[in-house]
Amino acid sequence: MRKSFLLLLVSVFLFSNAYSQANGDYRTAASGNWNDAGTWQRYNGTSWVAAPAPPTTADGVVTILGHTITITANAEIDQLAITGGTLQGTFILTISGSGNTWSGGIINAPVTIASLATINLSNSVNLNDALTIEANANFNWTAGSILLNEGTINNNGTITLTNTSGSAFNSGGGTNAFNNNSGGVLTKSSGAGILGSTVPVNNAGTFNINTSSYLQTGNTFTNTGTVNIAATATFSNSATANFNSGTSVTGSGTLALSGGTHNVNTALTTPAGITVNLSAGTLQGAGSLTINKTLNWSGGMINLPTNIANAANLELTS
């Protein structure tokens, strides 16, 4: 019985190994230029063989293994799997399909996720250049963090997080930014894992914190868009937050001001569902703040015109 079970396991392994790729798939064979056929192997339905030409959108899944691939001319691909290695160069790689994955490695070249395309991030990775997510494109983030070294993410589409452990935009050095542009949507939709950032964040679109917490622990969070905080969720700043003209705070969760500087530079009114906790830092700015539920003030300084509306509460603790 045990011998038969082992034989079954071996058979399953061999079957899955043989059919884990499809005819027309590509993978890197060596470090080199993207447009050099010698950089690639192509699966012919039976085995991996030398590629006759570089991959195009007419081919299958293109997998980047532990090699350094240099993009020497603008290129487009519709099924990309980055598992390791480095994509580098000054030309743009456009990803236009729906079956794209990023589970390791370094992007050190400008990459565009085209409209209607989808990429899935499932591990910690490095971004050393510009990643642009176009309108109607989808970036699904299930695990890991993004380490930015002279990296910028420009989101005009939809980023959805379902992480069950901590994820973050981390600063590795140089000038970095996450720009959630007008029309861009970032949603922490499910999972107990927090989302944090130590890079500058500029939100002109929509930040949805539907579960767990968003933590700005370094640099700045500058807002001219919407921050929506669902019940039981928290948006927390312990660095520098700038709530500028155009800011809207919605939902029924918690806005936690837990250190650093909180600049309100517009007439900001929190809705009846939002609780504001000020535990450290300075609440200041050229605008004003109106509380429609509760302000829990346990530490820090208020240097801002602040109005506690009728039926709202001011709770003082030390």
Protein backbone atom coordinates (compact mmCIF):
# COMPACT_ATOMS: atom_id res chain seq x y z
CA MET A 1 0.00 0.00 0.00
CA ARG A 2 2.77 2.44 0.97
CA LYS A 3 4.73 1.58 -2.19
CA SER A 4 1.66 2.22 -4.33
CA PHE A 5 1.11 5.57 -2.60
CA LEU A 6 4.72 6.62 -3.27
CA LEU A 7 4.40 5.62 -6.91
CA LEU A 8 1.24 7.71 -7.13
CA LEU A 9 3.05 10.74 -5.67
CA VAL A 10 5.90 10.35 -8.15
CA SER A 11 3.43 10.08 -11.00
CA VAL A 12 1.61 13.24 -9.89
CA PHE A 13 4.94 15.08 -9.62
CA LEU A 14 6.05 14.02 -13.08
CA PHE A 15 2.68 14.93 -14.57
CA SER A 16 2.62 18.40 -12.97
CA ASN A 17 6.26 19.00 -13.92
CA ALA A 18 5.61 18.07 -17.53
CA TYR A 19 2.50 20.25 -17.80
CA SER A 20 3.57 23.26 -15.76
CA GLN A 21 4.33 25.03 -19.02
CA ALA A 22 2.56 25.24 -22.35
CA ASN A 23 3.65 25.22 -25.94
CA GLY A 24 4.94 28.69 -26.81
CA ASP A 25 5.99 29.71 -23.29
CA TYR A 26 9.33 31.49 -22.86
CA ARG A 27 11.86 31.63 -20.05
CA THR A 28 15.23 33.28 -19.63
CA ALA A 29 18.26 31.10 -20.40
CA ALA A 30 21.00 33.61 -19.60
CA SER A 31 21.54 37.27 -18.78
CA GLY A 32 21.38 39.45 -21.87
CA ASN A 33 19.25 41.82 -23.93
CA TRP A 34 15.49 41.39 -24.16
CA ASN A 35 15.56 41.53 -27.96
CA ASP A 36 18.34 38.94 -28.32
CA ALA A 37 17.00 35.45 -29.09
CA GLY A 38 20.00 33.94 -27.30
CA THR A 39 18.65 35.27 -23.98
CA TRP A 40 15.62 32.98 -24.21
CA GLN A 41 14.38 29.42 -24.33
CA ARG A 42 11.01 28.42 -25.77
CA TYR A 43 8.89 25.44 -24.81
CA ASN A 44 7.94 23.40 -27.88
CA GLY A 45 5.37 21.21 -26.19
CA THR A 46 7.91 18.60 -25.09
CA SER A 47 11.05 20.36 -23.91
CA TRP A 48 12.76 23.72 -23.56
CA VAL A 49 14.80 24.61 -26.66
CA ALA A 50 16.70 27.64 -27.93
CA ALA A 51 14.24 30.38 -28.85
CA PRO A 52 14.02 31.32 -32.54
CA ALA A 53 13.24 34.96 -31.68
CA PRO A 54 12.57 37.20 -28.67
CA PRO A 55 9.09 36.89 -27.09
CA THR A 56 6.13 38.95 -28.28
CA THR A 57 2.47 39.31 -27.33
CA ALA A 58 1.75 36.36 -29.65
CA ASP A 59 3.68 33.99 -27.37
CA GLY A 60 2.75 32.34 -24.08
CA VAL A 61 3.92 33.09 -20.55
CA VAL A 62 7.34 34.78 -20.40
CA THR A 63 9.22 33.97 -17.19
CA ILE A 64 12.16 35.96 -15.84
CA LEU A 65 14.35 33.64 -13.76
CA GLY A 66 17.52 34.63 -11.90
CA HIS A 67 19.03 36.58 -14.80
CA THR A 68 19.62 40.23 -15.65
CA ILE A 69 17.59 41.21 -18.69
CA THR A 70 18.27 44.56 -20.37
CA ILE A 71 15.47 46.24 -22.30
CA THR A 72 17.17 47.96 -25.26
CA ALA A 73 14.01 49.10 -27.08
CA ASN A 74 10.39 49.63 -26.09
CA ALA A 75 8.71 46.23 -25.76
CA GLU A 76 5.25 44.83 -25.02
CA ILE A 77 4.28 41.52 -23.47
CA ASP A 78 0.94 40.17 -22.29
CA GLN A 79 1.87 37.30 -19.94
CA LEU A 80 4.90 38.07 -17.78
CA ALA A 81 6.10 36.17 -14.69
CA ILE A 82 8.93 37.86 -12.78
CA THR A 83 10.25 35.29 -10.30
CA GLY A 84 13.77 36.65 -9.75
CA GLY A 85 16.66 38.39 -11.43
CA THR A 86 16.59 41.96 -12.70
CA LEU A 87 14.76 43.80 -15.46
CA GLN A 88 16.82 46.84 -16.36
CA GLY A 89 17.19 49.52 -19.01
CA THR A 90 15.86 52.94 -19.97
CA PHE A 91 13.22 51.80 -22.45
CA ILE A 92 9.61 51.03 -21.47
CA LEU A 93 8.24 47.53 -20.99
CA THR A 94 4.45 47.51 -21.37
CA ILE A 95 2.44 44.68 -19.80
CA SER A 96 -0.88 44.36 -21.60
CA GLY A 97 -2.46 41.03 -20.59
CA SER A 98 -4.22 39.60 -17.56
CA GLY A 99 -2.02 36.68 -16.49
CA ASN A 100 0.97 38.55 -15.10
CA THR A 101 2.75 37.76 -11.82
CA TRP A 102 5.54 39.35 -9.77
CA SER A 103 6.93 37.11 -7.03
CA GLY A 104 10.57 38.21 -6.76
CA GLY A 105 13.42 40.09 -8.32
CA ILE A 106 14.13 43.71 -9.18
CA ILE A 107 12.51 46.07 -11.67
CA ASN A 108 15.11 48.62 -12.69
CA ALA A 109 13.42 49.83 -15.88
CA PRO A 110 10.24 51.82 -16.55
CA VAL A 111 7.26 49.44 -16.65
CA THR A 112 3.67 50.25 -17.60
CA ILE A 113 0.67 48.12 -16.67
CA ALA A 114 -1.64 48.92 -19.57
CA SER A 115 -5.37 49.59 -19.38
CA LEU A 116 -7.35 46.37 -18.73
CA ALA A 117 -4.16 44.48 -17.79
CA THR A 118 -3.69 42.74 -14.43
CA ILE A 119 -0.58 41.92 -12.41
CA ASN A 120 -0.48 39.94 -9.16
CA LEU A 121 2.17 40.66 -6.50
CA SER A 122 2.72 37.78 -4.05
CA ASN A 123 6.13 38.37 -2.43
CA SER A 124 8.59 41.08 -1.43
CA VAL A 125 10.23 42.78 -4.42
CA ASN A 126 12.42 45.75 -5.36
CA LEU A 127 11.44 48.70 -7.55
CA ASN A 128 14.27 50.96 -8.74
CA ASP A 129 12.44 52.86 -11.50
CA ALA A 130 8.95 54.00 -12.45
CA LEU A 131 5.99 51.63 -12.36
CA THR A 132 2.90 53.14 -13.98
CA ILE A 133 -0.54 51.58 -13.54
CA GLU A 134 -2.85 52.96 -16.21
CA ALA A 135 -6.57 53.68 -15.83
CA ASN A 136 -8.65 50.47 -15.74
CA ALA A 137 -5.55 48.37 -14.97
CA ASN A 138 -5.43 46.16 -11.87
CA PHE A 139 -2.62 45.53 -9.39
CA ASN A 140 -3.56 42.73 -6.98
CA TRP A 141 -1.30 42.63 -3.90
CA THR A 142 -1.62 39.47 -1.81
CA ALA A 143 1.66 39.43 0.19
CA GLY A 144 5.08 40.99 0.59
CA SER A 145 6.41 44.54 0.53
CA ILE A 146 7.83 46.82 -2.16
CA LEU A 147 11.29 48.25 -1.48
CA LEU A 148 11.76 51.43 -3.49
CA ASN A 149 15.28 52.58 -4.38
CA GLU A 150 14.84 55.67 -6.59
CA GLY A 151 11.46 54.14 -7.37
CA THR A 152 8.09 55.70 -8.13
CA ILE A 153 4.65 54.10 -8.42
CA ASN A 154 2.09 56.10 -10.39
CA ASN A 155 -1.37 54.63 -9.91
CA ASN A 156 -4.16 55.64 -12.27
CA GLY A 157 -5.94 52.29 -11.96
CA THR A 158 -6.86 50.01 -9.08
CA ILE A 159 -4.59 48.53 -6.40
CA THR A 160 -6.27 45.90 -4.22
CA LEU A 161 -4.64 44.46 -1.09
CA THR A 162 -5.74 41.18 0.48
CA ASN A 163 -2.61 40.61 2.58
CA THR A 164 -2.90 38.58 5.77
CA SER A 165 0.46 39.77 7.17
CA GLY A 166 2.19 43.12 7.02
CA SER A 167 2.91 44.79 3.67
CA ALA A 168 4.50 48.16 2.99
CA PHE A 169 5.93 50.70 0.62
CA ASN A 170 9.46 50.80 2.07
CA SER A 171 12.17 53.34 1.33
CA GLY A 172 15.54 51.87 0.45
CA GLY A 173 17.26 55.13 -0.43
CA GLY A 174 17.10 57.96 -2.92
CA THR A 175 13.97 59.77 -4.02
CA ASN A 176 10.87 57.59 -3.89
CA ALA A 177 7.12 58.14 -4.09
CA PHE A 178 3.75 56.47 -4.32
CA ASN A 179 1.40 58.69 -6.31
CA ASN A 180 -2.25 57.70 -6.18
CA ASN A 181 -3.40 60.04 -8.91
CA SER A 182 -6.86 61.43 -9.55
CA GLY A 183 -8.93 58.44 -10.64
CA GLY A 184 -6.56 56.04 -8.91
CA VAL A 185 -7.97 53.76 -6.21
CA LEU A 186 -6.08 51.90 -3.50
CA THR A 187 -8.20 49.50 -1.44
CA LYS A 188 -7.14 47.47 1.59
CA SER A 189 -10.06 45.15 0.97
CA SER A 190 -9.48 42.11 3.20
CA GLY A 191 -6.95 40.29 5.35
CA ALA A 192 -5.61 41.12 8.80
CA GLY A 193 -2.27 42.44 7.54
CA ILE A 194 -1.58 46.16 7.80
CA LEU A 195 -0.34 48.37 4.97
CA GLY A 196 2.45 50.75 5.90
CA SER A 197 4.60 53.33 4.18
CA THR A 198 7.95 54.98 4.82
CA VAL A 199 7.98 56.61 1.37
CA PRO A 200 6.19 59.85 0.48
CA VAL A 201 2.57 59.19 -0.48
CA ASN A 202 0.56 61.64 -2.58
CA ASN A 203 -3.15 60.83 -2.73
CA ALA A 204 -5.29 62.73 -5.23
CA GLY A 205 -7.55 59.72 -5.77
CA THR A 206 -9.21 57.37 -3.29
CA PHE A 207 -7.71 55.48 -0.34
CA ASN A 208 -10.11 52.81 0.93
CA ILE A 209 -9.12 51.24 4.24
CA ASN A 210 -11.82 48.58 4.51
CA THR A 211 -10.05 46.38 7.06
CA SER A 212 -7.03 46.44 9.38
CA SER A 213 -4.87 49.59 9.26
CA TYR A 214 -2.88 51.95 7.08
CA LEU A 215 0.22 53.32 8.86
CA GLN A 216 2.28 56.27 7.60
CA THR A 217 5.43 55.90 9.71
CA GLY A 218 7.95 57.88 7.67
CA ASN A 219 8.18 60.78 5.23
CA THR A 220 4.86 62.40 4.30
CA PHE A 221 1.28 61.61 3.38
CA THR A 222 -0.12 64.47 1.30
CA ASN A 223 -3.82 64.32 0.57
CA THR A 224 -6.04 66.18 -1.87
CA GLY A 225 -8.39 63.25 -2.46
CA THR A 226 -10.60 60.92 -0.44
CA VAL A 227 -9.60 58.82 2.56
CA ASN A 228 -12.37 56.34 3.32
CA ILE A 229 -12.04 54.43 6.61
CA ALA A 230 -14.47 51.58 7.18
CA ALA A 231 -15.77 50.49 10.57
CA THR A 232 -13.08 48.69 12.64
CA ALA A 233 -10.38 50.02 10.26
CA THR A 234 -7.77 52.68 11.08
CA PHE A 235 -5.80 55.29 9.18
CA SER A 236 -2.77 56.22 11.30
CA ASN A 237 -0.13 58.91 10.89
CA SER A 238 3.02 59.11 13.02
CA ALA A 239 5.10 61.04 10.45
CA THR A 240 3.87 64.12 8.55
CA ALA A 241 0.37 64.25 7.12
CA ASN A 242 -0.89 67.14 4.97
CA PHE A 243 -4.65 67.36 4.54
CA ASN A 244 -4.88 69.97 1.80
CA SER A 245 -7.66 71.52 -0.26
CA GLY A 246 -9.83 68.82 -1.82
CA THR A 247 -9.47 66.46 1.14
CA SER A 248 -12.47 64.35 2.09
CA VAL A 249 -12.51 61.92 5.02
CA THR A 250 -15.40 59.45 4.90
CA GLY A 251 -16.52 56.23 6.57
CA SER A 252 -17.02 55.06 10.14
CA GLY A 253 -13.56 54.02 11.33
CA THR A 254 -10.71 55.69 13.20
CA LEU A 255 -8.36 58.50 12.17
CA ALA A 256 -5.35 58.05 14.48
CA LEU A 257 -2.90 60.94 14.88
CA SER A 258 -0.18 59.19 16.84
CA GLY A 259 2.96 61.28 16.41
CA GLY A 260 4.71 63.62 14.05
CA THR A 261 2.90 66.57 12.49
CA HIS A 262 -0.69 66.65 11.28
CA ASN A 263 -1.25 69.65 9.00
CA VAL A 264 -4.86 70.53 8.22
CA ASN A 265 -4.71 73.16 5.49
CA THR A 266 -8.38 73.21 4.56
CA ALA A 267 -11.74 73.32 6.32
CA LEU A 268 -11.90 69.62 7.19
CA THR A 269 -15.09 68.13 8.61
CA THR A 270 -15.09 64.53 9.77
CA PRO A 271 -18.40 62.69 9.37
CA ALA A 272 -20.57 61.36 12.17
CA GLY A 273 -19.00 57.92 11.89
CA ILE A 274 -15.32 58.88 12.23
CA THR A 275 -13.50 58.84 15.56
CA VAL A 276 -10.35 60.99 15.77
CA ASN A 277 -7.65 59.90 18.22
CA LEU A 278 -4.89 62.42 18.97
CA SER A 279 -2.25 60.73 21.14
CA ALA A 280 0.98 62.46 20.11
CA GLY A 281 2.42 65.06 17.79
CA THR A 282 1.02 68.42 16.74
CA LEU A 283 -2.32 69.07 15.06
CA GLN A 284 -1.88 72.34 13.20
CA GLY A 285 -2.29 74.07 9.86
CA ALA A 286 -3.90 76.94 7.97
CA GLY A 287 -7.36 75.37 7.97
CA SER A 288 -9.78 74.13 10.61
CA LEU A 289 -11.20 70.86 11.95
CA THR A 290 -14.80 70.03 12.81
CA ILE A 291 -15.52 66.83 14.74
CA ASN A 292 -18.94 65.22 14.30
CA LYS A 293 -18.43 62.12 16.45
CA THR A 294 -15.60 61.90 18.99
CA LEU A 295 -12.19 63.45 19.52
CA ASN A 296 -10.15 61.33 21.93
CA TRP A 297 -7.28 63.58 23.08
CA SER A 298 -4.71 61.72 25.17
CA GLY A 299 -1.52 63.52 24.16
CA GLY A 300 0.03 65.94 21.73
CA MET A 301 -0.80 69.56 20.93
CA ILE A 302 -3.64 71.27 19.08
CA ASN A 303 -2.67 74.47 17.32
CA LEU A 304 -5.65 74.62 14.98
CA PRO A 305 -9.19 76.01 15.17
CA THR A 306 -11.15 72.92 16.25
CA ASN A 307 -14.91 72.68 16.62
CA ILE A 308 -16.72 69.91 18.48
CA ALA A 309 -20.14 69.83 16.83
CA ASN A 310 -23.45 69.40 18.63
CA ALA A 311 -23.93 65.78 19.76
CA ALA A 312 -20.20 65.14 19.26
CA ASN A 313 -17.81 64.31 22.12
CA LEU A 314 -14.46 65.48 23.40
CA GLU A 315 -12.76 62.84 25.55
CA LEU A 316 -9.71 63.99 27.52
CA THR A 317 -7.36 61.40 29.01
CA SER A 318 -3.76 61.39 30.09
